[in-house]
C-alpha atoms as a PDB file:
ATOM      1  CA  MET A   1      17.782  -5.413  13.462  1.00  0.00           C
ATOM      2  CA  ASN A   2      19.285  -1.944  13.107  1.00  0.00           C
ATOM      3  CA  GLU A   3      17.573   1.340  13.954  1.00  0.00           C
ATOM      4  CA  LEU A   4      16.450   2.049  10.369  1.00  0.00           C
ATOM      5  CA  GLU A   5      14.902  -1.414  10.009  1.00  0.00           C
ATOM      6  CA  GLN A   6      13.067  -0.971  13.326  1.00  0.00           C
ATOM      7  CA  TYR A   7      11.734   2.417  12.214  1.00  0.00           C
ATOM      8  CA  GLN A   8      10.525   1.000   8.893  1.00  0.00           C
ATOM      9  CA  GLU A   9       8.828  -1.934  10.599  1.00  0.00           C
ATOM     10  CA  ARG A  10       7.033   0.403  13.039  1.00  0.00           C
ATOM     11  CA  MET A  11       5.958   2.666  10.181  1.00  0.00           C
ATOM     12  CA  PHE A  12       4.307  -0.186   8.280  1.00  0.00           C
ATOM     13  CA  GLU A  13       2.748  -1.616  11.454  1.00  0.00           C
ATOM     14  CA  GLU A  14       1.169   1.762  12.234  1.00  0.00           C
ATOM     15  CA  ILE A  15      -0.689   1.887   8.907  1.00  0.00           C
ATOM     16  CA  ARG A  16      -1.544  -1.831   8.778  1.00  0.00           C
ATOM     17  CA  HIS A  17      -5.235  -2.737   8.739  1.00  0.00           C
ATOM     18  CA  ILE A  18      -6.866  -6.100   9.398  1.00  0.00           C
ATOM     19  CA  ASP A  19     -10.118  -7.137   7.739  1.00  0.00           C
ATOM     20  CA  GLU A  20     -12.965  -9.120   9.319  1.00  0.00           C
ATOM     21  CA  GLU A  21     -11.291 -12.381   8.291  1.00  0.00           C
ATOM     22  CA  GLY A  22      -7.986 -11.464   9.943  1.00  0.00           C
ATOM     23  CA  ARG A  23      -6.107 -10.651   6.729  1.00  0.00           C
ATOM     24  CA  GLU A  24      -3.606  -7.797   6.769  1.00  0.00           C
ATOM     25  CA  PHE A  25      -3.832  -5.007   4.221  1.00  0.00           C
ATOM     26  CA  TRP A  26      -2.553  -1.487   3.605  1.00  0.00           C
ATOM     27  CA  TYR A  27      -4.262   1.437   1.893  1.00  0.00           C
ATOM     28  CA  ALA A  28      -2.269   2.662  -1.101  1.00  0.00           C
ATOM     29  CA  ARG A  29      -2.619   6.326  -0.158  1.00  0.00           C
ATOM     30  CA  GLU A  30      -1.261   5.638   3.337  1.00  0.00           C
ATOM     31  CA  LEU A  31       1.633   3.664   1.841  1.00  0.00           C
ATOM     32  CA  ALA A  32       2.371   6.511  -0.565  1.00  0.00           C
ATOM     33  CA  LYS A  33       2.669   8.972   2.314  1.00  0.00           C
ATOM     34  CA  ALA A  34       4.789   6.559   4.373  1.00  0.00           C
ATOM     35  CA  LEU A  35       7.123   6.090   1.405  1.00  0.00           C
ATOM     36  CA  LYS A  36       7.358   9.879   0.946  1.00  0.00           C
ATOM     37  CA  TYR A  37       5.618  10.122  -2.432  1.00  0.00           C
ATOM     38  CA  THR A  38       4.441  13.714  -2.756  1.00  0.00           C
ATOM     39  CA  GLU A  39       2.033  13.114  -5.638  1.00  0.00           C
ATOM     40  CA  TRP A  40      -0.492  10.329  -6.036  1.00  0.00           C
ATOM     41  CA  ARG A  41       0.087  10.094  -9.792  1.00  0.00           C
ATOM     42  CA  LYS A  42       3.732   9.169  -9.181  1.00  0.00           C
ATOM     43  CA  PHE A  43       2.784   6.424  -6.728  1.00  0.00           C
ATOM     44  CA  GLU A  44       0.035   5.109  -8.987  1.00  0.00           C
ATOM     45  CA  GLY A  45       2.716   3.932 -11.427  1.00  0.00           C
ATOM     46  CA  VAL A  46       4.363   1.952  -8.622  1.00  0.00           C
ATOM     47  CA  ILE A  47       1.070   0.174  -7.988  1.00  0.00           C
ATOM     48  CA  GLU A  48       0.710  -0.699 -11.675  1.00  0.00           C
ATOM     49  CA  LYS A  49       4.234  -2.163 -11.730  1.00  0.00           C
ATOM     50  CA  ALA A  50       3.421  -4.199  -8.616  1.00  0.00           C
ATOM     51  CA  LYS A  51       0.296  -5.556 -10.327  1.00  0.00           C
ATOM     52  CA  MET A  52       2.379  -6.577 -13.352  1.00  0.00           C
ATOM     53  CA  ALA A  53       4.864  -8.337 -11.069  1.00  0.00           C
ATOM     54  CA  CYS A  54       1.971 -10.113  -9.391  1.00  0.00           C
ATOM     55  CA  GLU A  55       0.696 -11.341 -12.751  1.00  0.00           C
ATOM     56  CA  GLY A  56       4.220 -12.377 -13.724  1.00  0.00           C
ATOM     57  CA  SER A  57       4.423 -14.588 -10.642  1.00  0.00           C
ATOM     58  CA  SER A  58       1.201 -16.355 -11.693  1.00  0.00           C
ATOM     59  CA  SER A  59      -0.748 -14.782  -8.832  1.00  0.00           C
ATOM     60  CA  LYS A  60      -4.189 -13.288  -9.303  1.00  0.00           C
ATOM     61  CA  VAL A  61      -4.084  -9.505  -9.088  1.00  0.00           C
ATOM     62  CA  MET A  62      -7.585  -9.386  -7.604  1.00  0.00           C
ATOM     63  CA  ASP A  63      -6.389 -11.596  -4.726  1.00  0.00           C
ATOM     64  CA  HIS A  64      -3.803  -8.986  -3.736  1.00  0.00           C
ATOM     65  CA  PHE A  65      -5.051  -5.612  -4.973  1.00  0.00           C
ATOM     66  CA  GLY A  66      -8.502  -4.316  -4.119  1.00  0.00           C
ATOM     67  CA  GLY A  67     -10.275  -1.446  -5.730  1.00  0.00           C
ATOM     68  CA  ALA A  68     -10.811   1.940  -4.166  1.00  0.00           C
ATOM     69  CA  ALA A  69     -12.612   1.277  -0.912  1.00  0.00           C
ATOM     70  CA  LYS A  70     -11.669   4.365   1.054  1.00  0.00           C
ATOM     71  CA  MET A  71     -12.759   7.782  -0.142  1.00  0.00           C
ATOM     72  CA  VAL A  72     -10.336  10.669   0.120  1.00  0.00           C
ATOM     73  CA  GLY A  73     -11.583  14.102   1.092  1.00  0.00           C
ATOM     74  CA  LEU A  74     -11.268  16.990  -1.313  1.00  0.00           C
ATOM     75  CA  GLY A  75      -7.800  18.487  -1.005  1.00  0.00           C
ATOM     76  CA  ASP A  76      -6.312  15.455   0.770  1.00  0.00           C
ATOM     77  CA  PHE A  77      -3.129  13.948  -0.676  1.00  0.00           C
END
């Protein structure tokens, strides 16, 4: 694994969360920052495309994409 791959792996590990059942998940707003999106509205389109790809693979979107569970403070991101 090269240096860039190691950095990327660390970055995603640092923002990884684990629910009470041991399942890994990431908050979209944290992913957006990690991927250097400066505006939420630009990243929101990426999420919608990912949901369409999920549907296209015959997976249930609700099994992979949760709703807004974490509130963002006024002025954040």
